[in-house]
């Protein structure tokens, strides 16, 4: 089984506070546990650290957003 998020890059963070529904957090926590099981040598995974790679992957795969960026609209 392949997960879209496999490892978490360590970059200098910018603080951002976000509230998510409990159901989203439960799913995020379950995803973190799945990532940890696939990479047991890395130890436990903090669910909050998955948010950035998930958002980055989402934006990278959004063709409409890519088109807007290419046209330099934003």
PDB file of N, CA and C in Angstrom:
ATOM      1  N   UNK A   1       0.852  -1.177   0.000  1.00  0.00           N
ATOM      2  CA  UNK A   1       0.000   0.000   0.000  1.00  0.00           C
ATOM      3  C   UNK A   1       0.898   1.240   0.000  1.00  0.00           C
ATOM      4  N   UNK A   2       0.543   2.211  -0.801  1.00  0.00           N
ATOM      5  CA  UNK A   2       1.304   3.450  -0.906  1.00  0.00           C
ATOM      6  C   UNK A   2       0.539   4.599  -0.247  1.00  0.00           C
ATOM      7  N   UNK A   3       1.252   5.413   0.501  1.00  0.00           N
ATOM      8  CA  UNK A   3       0.685   6.637   1.050  1.00  0.00           C
ATOM      9  C   UNK A   3       1.253   7.805   0.273  1.00  0.00           C
ATOM     10  N   UNK A   4       0.474   8.854   0.091  1.00  0.00           N
ATOM     11  CA  UNK A   4       0.963  10.025  -0.622  1.00  0.00           C
ATOM     12  C   UNK A   4       2.001  10.784   0.184  1.00  0.00           C
ATOM     13  N   UNK A   5       1.873  10.767   1.502  1.00  0.00           N
ATOM     14  CA  UNK A   5       2.847  11.413   2.372  1.00  0.00           C
ATOM     15  C   UNK A   5       3.676  10.303   3.003  1.00  0.00           C
ATOM     16  N   UNK A   6       4.984  10.302   2.747  1.00  0.00           N
ATOM     17  CA  UNK A   6       5.839   9.229   3.244  1.00  0.00           C
ATOM     18  C   UNK A   6       6.811   9.711   4.304  1.00  0.00           C
ATOM     19  N   UNK A   7       7.340  10.898   4.153  1.00  0.00           N
ATOM     20  CA  UNK A   7       8.243  11.435   5.166  1.00  0.00           C
ATOM     21  C   UNK A   7       7.999  12.935   5.271  1.00  0.00           C
ATOM     22  N   UNK A   8       8.486  13.498   6.338  1.00  0.00           N
ATOM     23  CA  UNK A   8       8.194  14.891   6.634  1.00  0.00           C
ATOM     24  C   UNK A   8       9.495  15.689   6.592  1.00  0.00           C
ATOM     25  N   UNK A   9       9.607  16.610   5.630  1.00  0.00           N
ATOM     26  CA  UNK A   9      10.835  17.409   5.558  1.00  0.00           C
ATOM     27  C   UNK A   9      10.960  18.334   6.765  1.00  0.00           C
ATOM     28  N   UNK A  10      12.197  18.578   7.167  1.00  0.00           N
ATOM     29  CA  UNK A  10      12.448  19.448   8.301  1.00  0.00           C
ATOM     30  C   UNK A  10      12.894  20.807   7.766  1.00  0.00           C
ATOM     31  N   UNK A  11      11.993  21.778   7.767  1.00  0.00           N
ATOM     32  CA  UNK A  11      12.285  23.119   7.275  1.00  0.00           C
ATOM     33  C   UNK A  11      11.999  24.133   8.367  1.00  0.00           C
ATOM     34  N   UNK A  12      12.508  25.351   8.176  1.00  0.00           N
ATOM     35  CA  UNK A  12      12.239  26.406   9.147  1.00  0.00           C
ATOM     36  C   UNK A  12      10.747  26.754   9.086  1.00  0.00           C
ATOM     37  N   UNK A  13      10.045  26.630  10.192  1.00  0.00           N
ATOM     38  CA  UNK A  13       8.598  26.834  10.185  1.00  0.00           C
ATOM     39  C   UNK A  13       8.156  28.288  10.289  1.00  0.00           C
ATOM     40  N   UNK A  14       6.948  28.526   9.842  1.00  0.00           N
ATOM     41  CA  UNK A  14       6.233  29.776  10.047  1.00  0.00           C
ATOM     42  C   UNK A  14       5.003  29.381  10.852  1.00  0.00           C
ATOM     43  N   UNK A  15       4.789  30.020  11.970  1.00  0.00           N
ATOM     44  CA  UNK A  15       3.694  29.629  12.860  1.00  0.00           C
ATOM     45  C   UNK A  15       2.341  29.997  12.250  1.00  0.00           C
ATOM     46  N   UNK A  16       1.424  29.033  12.294  1.00  0.00           N
ATOM     47  CA  UNK A  16       0.086  29.206  11.758  1.00  0.00           C
ATOM     48  C   UNK A  16      -0.868  28.433  12.660  1.00  0.00           C
ATOM     49  N   UNK A  17      -1.872  29.092  13.187  1.00  0.00           N
ATOM     50  CA  UNK A  17      -2.856  28.428  14.045  1.00  0.00           C
ATOM     51  C   UNK A  17      -4.094  28.094  13.216  1.00  0.00           C
ATOM     52  N   UNK A  18      -4.534  26.842  13.334  1.00  0.00           N
ATOM     53  CA  UNK A  18      -5.672  26.377  12.544  1.00  0.00           C
ATOM     54  C   UNK A  18      -6.573  25.532  13.437  1.00  0.00           C
ATOM     55  N   UNK A  19      -7.864  25.683  13.261  1.00  0.00           N
ATOM     56  CA  UNK A  19      -8.821  24.816  13.943  1.00  0.00           C
ATOM     57  C   UNK A  19      -9.419  23.883  12.910  1.00  0.00           C
ATOM     58  N   UNK A  20      -9.505  22.602  13.260  1.00  0.00           N
ATOM     59  CA  UNK A  20     -10.109  21.615  12.358  1.00  0.00           C
ATOM     60  C   UNK A  20     -11.202  20.874  13.116  1.00  0.00           C
ATOM     61  N   UNK A  21     -12.192  20.365  12.395  1.00  0.00           N
ATOM     62  CA  UNK A  21     -13.218  19.560  13.061  1.00  0.00           C
ATOM     63  C   UNK A  21     -12.586  18.307  13.696  1.00  0.00           C
ATOM     64  N   UNK A  22     -13.207  17.827  14.755  1.00  0.00           N
ATOM     65  CA  UNK A  22     -12.685  16.649  15.450  1.00  0.00           C
ATOM     66  C   UNK A  22     -12.550  15.458  14.504  1.00  0.00           C
ATOM     67  N   UNK A  23     -13.493  15.303  13.581  1.00  0.00           N
ATOM     68  CA  UNK A  23     -13.429  14.173  12.647  1.00  0.00           C
ATOM     69  C   UNK A  23     -12.195  14.260  11.739  1.00  0.00           C
ATOM     70  N   UNK A  24     -11.838  15.471  11.342  1.00  0.00           N
ATOM     71  CA  UNK A  24     -10.644  15.661  10.514  1.00  0.00           C
ATOM     72  C   UNK A  24      -9.406  15.345  11.346  1.00  0.00           C
ATOM     73  N   UNK A  25      -9.382  15.776  12.600  1.00  0.00           N
ATOM     74  CA  UNK A  25      -8.232  15.476  13.445  1.00  0.00           C
ATOM     75  C   UNK A  25      -8.089  13.975  13.662  1.00  0.00           C
ATOM     76  N   UNK A  26      -9.205  13.278  13.876  1.00  0.00           N
ATOM     77  CA  UNK A  26      -9.134  11.825  14.063  1.00  0.00           C
ATOM     78  C   UNK A  26      -8.550  11.157  12.821  1.00  0.00           C
ATOM     79  N   UNK A  27      -8.985  11.603  11.642  1.00  0.00           N
ATOM     80  CA  UNK A  27      -8.434  11.044  10.398  1.00  0.00           C
ATOM     81  C   UNK A  27      -6.956  11.388  10.251  1.00  0.00           C
ATOM     82  N   UNK A  28      -6.593  12.593  10.602  1.00  0.00           N
ATOM     83  CA  UNK A  28      -5.200  13.013  10.530  1.00  0.00           C
ATOM     84  C   UNK A  28      -4.344  12.174  11.483  1.00  0.00           C
ATOM     85  N   UNK A  29      -4.849  11.928  12.673  1.00  0.00           N
ATOM     86  CA  UNK A  29      -4.139  11.104  13.640  1.00  0.00           C
ATOM     87  C   UNK A  29      -4.000   9.669  13.132  1.00  0.00           C
ATOM     88  N   UNK A  30      -5.052   9.137  12.529  1.00  0.00           N
ATOM     89  CA  UNK A  30      -4.987   7.784  11.960  1.00  0.00           C
ATOM     90  C   UNK A  30      -3.961   7.725  10.836  1.00  0.00           C
ATOM     91  N   UNK A  31      -3.897   8.773  10.021  1.00  0.00           N
ATOM     92  CA  UNK A  31      -2.916   8.838   8.933  1.00  0.00           C
ATOM     93  C   UNK A  31      -1.500   8.856   9.516  1.00  0.00           C
ATOM     94  N   UNK A  32      -1.308   9.621  10.583  1.00  0.00           N
ATOM     95  CA  UNK A  32       0.005   9.682  11.240  1.00  0.00           C
ATOM     96  C   UNK A  32       0.413   8.305  11.751  1.00  0.00           C
ATOM     97  N   UNK A  33      -0.524   7.573  12.296  1.00  0.00           N
ATOM     98  CA  UNK A  33      -0.226   6.220  12.768  1.00  0.00           C
ATOM     99  C   UNK A  33       0.146   5.309  11.607  1.00  0.00           C
ATOM    100  N   UNK A  34      -0.526   5.464  10.462  1.00  0.00           N
ATOM    101  CA  UNK A  34      -0.204   4.661   9.280  1.00  0.00           C
ATOM    102  C   UNK A  34       1.197   4.987   8.767  1.00  0.00           C
ATOM    103  N   UNK A  35       1.545   6.273   8.744  1.00  0.00           N
ATOM    104  CA  UNK A  35       2.889   6.679   8.307  1.00  0.00           C
ATOM    105  C   UNK A  35       3.931   6.082   9.259  1.00  0.00           C
ATOM    106  N   UNK A  36       3.667   6.128  10.553  1.00  0.00           N
ATOM    107  CA  UNK A  36       4.597   5.584  11.543  1.00  0.00           C
ATOM    108  C   UNK A  36       4.769   4.079  11.364  1.00  0.00           C
ATOM    109  N   UNK A  37       3.687   3.371  11.045  1.00  0.00           N
ATOM    110  CA  UNK A  37       3.782   1.924  10.825  1.00  0.00           C
ATOM    111  C   UNK A  37       4.601   1.597   9.583  1.00  0.00           C
ATOM    112  N   UNK A  38       4.518   2.463   8.563  1.00  0.00           N
ATOM    113  CA  UNK A  38       5.260   2.217   7.327  1.00  0.00           C
ATOM    114  C   UNK A  38       6.737   2.576   7.482  1.00  0.00           C
ATOM    115  N   UNK A  39       7.071   3.411   8.460  1.00  0.00           N
ATOM    116  CA  UNK A  39       8.449   3.836   8.714  1.00  0.00           C
ATOM    117  C   UNK A  39       8.774   3.654  10.195  1.00  0.00           C
ATOM    118  N   UNK A  40       8.751   2.421  10.707  1.00  0.00           N
ATOM    119  CA  UNK A  40       8.925   2.212  12.145  1.00  0.00           C
ATOM    120  C   UNK A  40      10.272   2.704  12.682  1.00  0.00           C
ATOM    121  N   UNK A  41      11.276   2.741  11.826  1.00  0.00           N
ATOM    122  CA  UNK A  41      12.593   3.199  12.267  1.00  0.00           C
ATOM    123  C   UNK A  41      12.593   4.687  12.629  1.00  0.00           C
ATOM    124  N   UNK A  42      11.624   5.451  12.115  1.00  0.00           N
ATOM    125  CA  UNK A  42      11.539   6.885  12.410  1.00  0.00           C
ATOM    126  C   UNK A  42      10.773   7.178  13.694  1.00  0.00           C
ATOM    127  N   UNK A  43      10.106   6.188  14.260  1.00  0.00           N
ATOM    128  CA  UNK A  43       9.350   6.383  15.495  1.00  0.00           C
ATOM    129  C   UNK A  43       7.988   6.996  15.242  1.00  0.00           C
ATOM    130  N   UNK A  44       7.331   7.471  16.302  1.00  0.00           N
ATOM    131  CA  UNK A  44       5.983   8.030  16.164  1.00  0.00           C
ATOM    132  C   UNK A  44       5.979   9.302  15.308  1.00  0.00           C
ATOM    133  N   UNK A  45       4.848   9.558  14.687  1.00  0.00           N
ATOM    134  CA  UNK A  45       4.688  10.735  13.828  1.00  0.00           C
ATOM    135  C   UNK A  45       3.661  11.660  14.468  1.00  0.00           C
ATOM    136  N   UNK A  46       4.009  12.923  14.617  1.00  0.00           N
ATOM    137  CA  UNK A  46       3.094  13.935  15.141  1.00  0.00           C
ATOM    138  C   UNK A  46       2.110  14.294  14.029  1.00  0.00           C
ATOM    139  N   UNK A  47       0.826  14.097  14.282  1.00  0.00           N
ATOM    140  CA  UNK A  47      -0.201  14.350  13.274  1.00  0.00           C
ATOM    141  C   UNK A  47      -0.120  15.768  12.720  1.00  0.00           C
ATOM    142  N   UNK A  48       0.179  16.732  13.563  1.00  0.00           N
ATOM    143  CA  UNK A  48       0.247  18.133  13.121  1.00  0.00           C
ATOM    144  C   UNK A  48       1.325  18.333  12.060  1.00  0.00           C
ATOM    145  N   UNK A  49       2.381  17.526  12.103  1.00  0.00           N
ATOM    146  CA  UNK A  49       3.458  17.677  11.127  1.00  0.00           C
ATOM    147  C   UNK A  49       3.073  17.167   9.741  1.00  0.00           C
ATOM    148  N   UNK A  50       1.957  16.482   9.639  1.00  0.00           N
ATOM    149  CA  UNK A  50       1.490  16.002   8.340  1.00  0.00           C
ATOM    150  C   UNK A  50       0.757  17.081   7.559  1.00  0.00           C
ATOM    151  N   UNK A  51       0.274  18.099   8.249  1.00  0.00           N
ATOM    152  CA  UNK A  51      -0.558  19.115   7.608  1.00  0.00           C
ATOM    153  C   UNK A  51       0.184  19.816   6.474  1.00  0.00           C
ATOM    154  N   UNK A  52       1.415  20.225   6.704  1.00  0.00           N
ATOM    155  CA  UNK A  52       2.168  20.957   5.677  1.00  0.00           C
ATOM    156  C   UNK A  52       2.408  20.111   4.428  1.00  0.00           C
ATOM    157  N   UNK A  53       2.942  18.871   4.559  1.00  0.00           N
ATOM    158  CA  UNK A  53       3.128  18.097   3.337  1.00  0.00           C
ATOM    159  C   UNK A  53       1.815  17.785   2.620  1.00  0.00           C
ATOM    160  N   UNK A  54       0.733  17.632   3.373  1.00  0.00           N
ATOM    161  CA  UNK A  54      -0.562  17.367   2.736  1.00  0.00           C
ATOM    162  C   UNK A  54      -1.034  18.580   1.932  1.00  0.00           C
ATOM    163  N   UNK A  55      -0.918  19.756   2.522  1.00  0.00           N
ATOM    164  CA  UNK A  55      -1.325  20.967   1.805  1.00  0.00           C
ATOM    165  C   UNK A  55      -0.435  21.184   0.587  1.00  0.00           C
ATOM    166  N   UNK A  56       0.879  20.986   0.757  1.00  0.00           N
ATOM    167  CA  UNK A  56       1.816  21.170  -0.357  1.00  0.00           C
ATOM    168  C   UNK A  56       1.491  20.205  -1.497  1.00  0.00           C
ATOM    169  N   UNK A  57       1.216  18.951  -1.156  1.00  0.00           N
ATOM    170  CA  UNK A  57       0.891  17.961  -2.197  1.00  0.00           C
ATOM    171  C   UNK A  57      -0.425  18.309  -2.878  1.00  0.00           C
ATOM    172  N   UNK A  58      -1.395  18.754  -2.100  1.00  0.00           N
ATOM    173  CA  UNK A  58      -2.676  19.156  -2.671  1.00  0.00           C
ATOM    174  C   UNK A  58      -2.487  20.297  -3.676  1.00  0.00           C
ATOM    175  N   UNK A  59      -1.746  21.329  -3.273  1.00  0.00           N
ATOM    176  CA  UNK A  59      -1.538  22.472  -4.166  1.00  0.00           C
ATOM    177  C   UNK A  59      -0.741  22.070  -5.400  1.00  0.00           C
ATOM    178  N   UNK A  60       0.246  21.187  -5.229  1.00  0.00           N
ATOM    179  CA  UNK A  60       1.067  20.750  -6.361  1.00  0.00           C
ATOM    180  C   UNK A  60       0.247  19.948  -7.366  1.00  0.00           C
ATOM    181  N   UNK A  61      -0.806  19.277  -6.903  1.00  0.00           N
ATOM    182  CA  UNK A  61      -1.611  18.459  -7.808  1.00  0.00           C
ATOM    183  C   UNK A  61      -2.846  19.189  -8.345  1.00  0.00           C
ATOM    184  N   UNK A  62      -3.052  20.428  -7.931  1.00  0.00           N
ATOM    185  CA  UNK A  62      -4.217  21.201  -8.376  1.00  0.00           C
ATOM    186  C   UNK A  62      -3.891  21.901  -9.695  1.00  0.00           C
ATOM    187  N   UNK A  63      -4.424  21.384 -10.784  1.00  0.00           N
ATOM    188  CA  UNK A  63      -4.110  21.924 -12.108  1.00  0.00           C
ATOM    189  C   UNK A  63      -4.585  23.359 -12.292  1.00  0.00           C
ATOM    190  N   UNK A  64      -5.725  23.676 -11.723  1.00  0.00           N
ATOM    191  CA  UNK A  64      -6.231  25.052 -11.811  1.00  0.00           C
ATOM    192  C   UNK A  64      -5.299  26.031 -11.132  1.00  0.00           C
ATOM    193  N   UNK A  65      -4.787  25.645  -9.977  1.00  0.00           N
ATOM    194  CA  UNK A  65      -3.842  26.500  -9.254  1.00  0.00           C
ATOM    195  C   UNK A  65      -2.544  26.646 -10.041  1.00  0.00           C
ATOM    196  N   UNK A  66      -2.083  25.559 -10.634  1.00  0.00           N
ATOM    197  CA  UNK A  66      -0.852  25.609 -11.438  1.00  0.00           C
ATOM    198  C   UNK A  66      -1.022  26.560 -12.619  1.00  0.00           C
ATOM    199  N   UNK A  67      -2.192  26.519 -13.236  1.00  0.00           N
ATOM    200  CA  UNK A  67      -2.454  27.399 -14.377  1.00  0.00           C
ATOM    201  C   UNK A  67      -2.432  28.867 -13.933  1.00  0.00           C
ATOM    202  N   UNK A  68      -3.047  29.142 -12.807  1.00  0.00           N
ATOM    203  CA  UNK A  68      -3.049  30.513 -12.268  1.00  0.00           C
ATOM    204  C   UNK A  68      -1.626  30.958 -11.969  1.00  0.00           C
ATOM    205  N   UNK A  69      -0.819  30.073 -11.371  1.00  0.00           N
ATOM    206  CA  UNK A  69       0.571  30.437 -11.060  1.00  0.00           C
ATOM    207  C   UNK A  69       1.376  30.692 -12.336  1.00  0.00           C
ATOM    208  N   UNK A  70       1.162  29.868 -13.370  1.00  0.00           N
ATOM    209  CA  UNK A  70       1.893  30.049 -14.626  1.00  0.00           C
ATOM    210  C   UNK A  70       1.551  31.396 -15.274  1.00  0.00           C
ATOM    211  N   UNK A  71       0.293  31.768 -15.166  1.00  0.00           N
ATOM    212  CA  UNK A  71      -0.144  33.039 -15.747  1.00  0.00           C
ATOM    213  C   UNK A  71       0.219  34.233 -14.870  1.00  0.00           C
ATOM    214  N   UNK A  72       0.803  33.934 -13.719  1.00  0.00           N
ATOM    215  CA  UNK A  72       1.229  34.954 -12.753  1.00  0.00           C
ATOM    216  C   UNK A  72       0.072  35.855 -12.326  1.00  0.00           C
ATOM    217  N   UNK A  73      -1.105  35.270 -12.197  1.00  0.00           N
ATOM    218  CA  UNK A  73      -2.282  35.995 -11.732  1.00  0.00           C
ATOM    219  C   UNK A  73      -2.137  36.268 -10.237  1.00  0.00           C
ATOM    220  N   UNK A  74      -1.473  35.388  -9.530  1.00  0.00           N
ATOM    221  CA  UNK A  74      -1.286  35.551  -8.083  1.00  0.00           C
ATOM    222  C   UNK A  74       0.191  35.805  -7.829  1.00  0.00           C
TER     223      UNK A  74
END
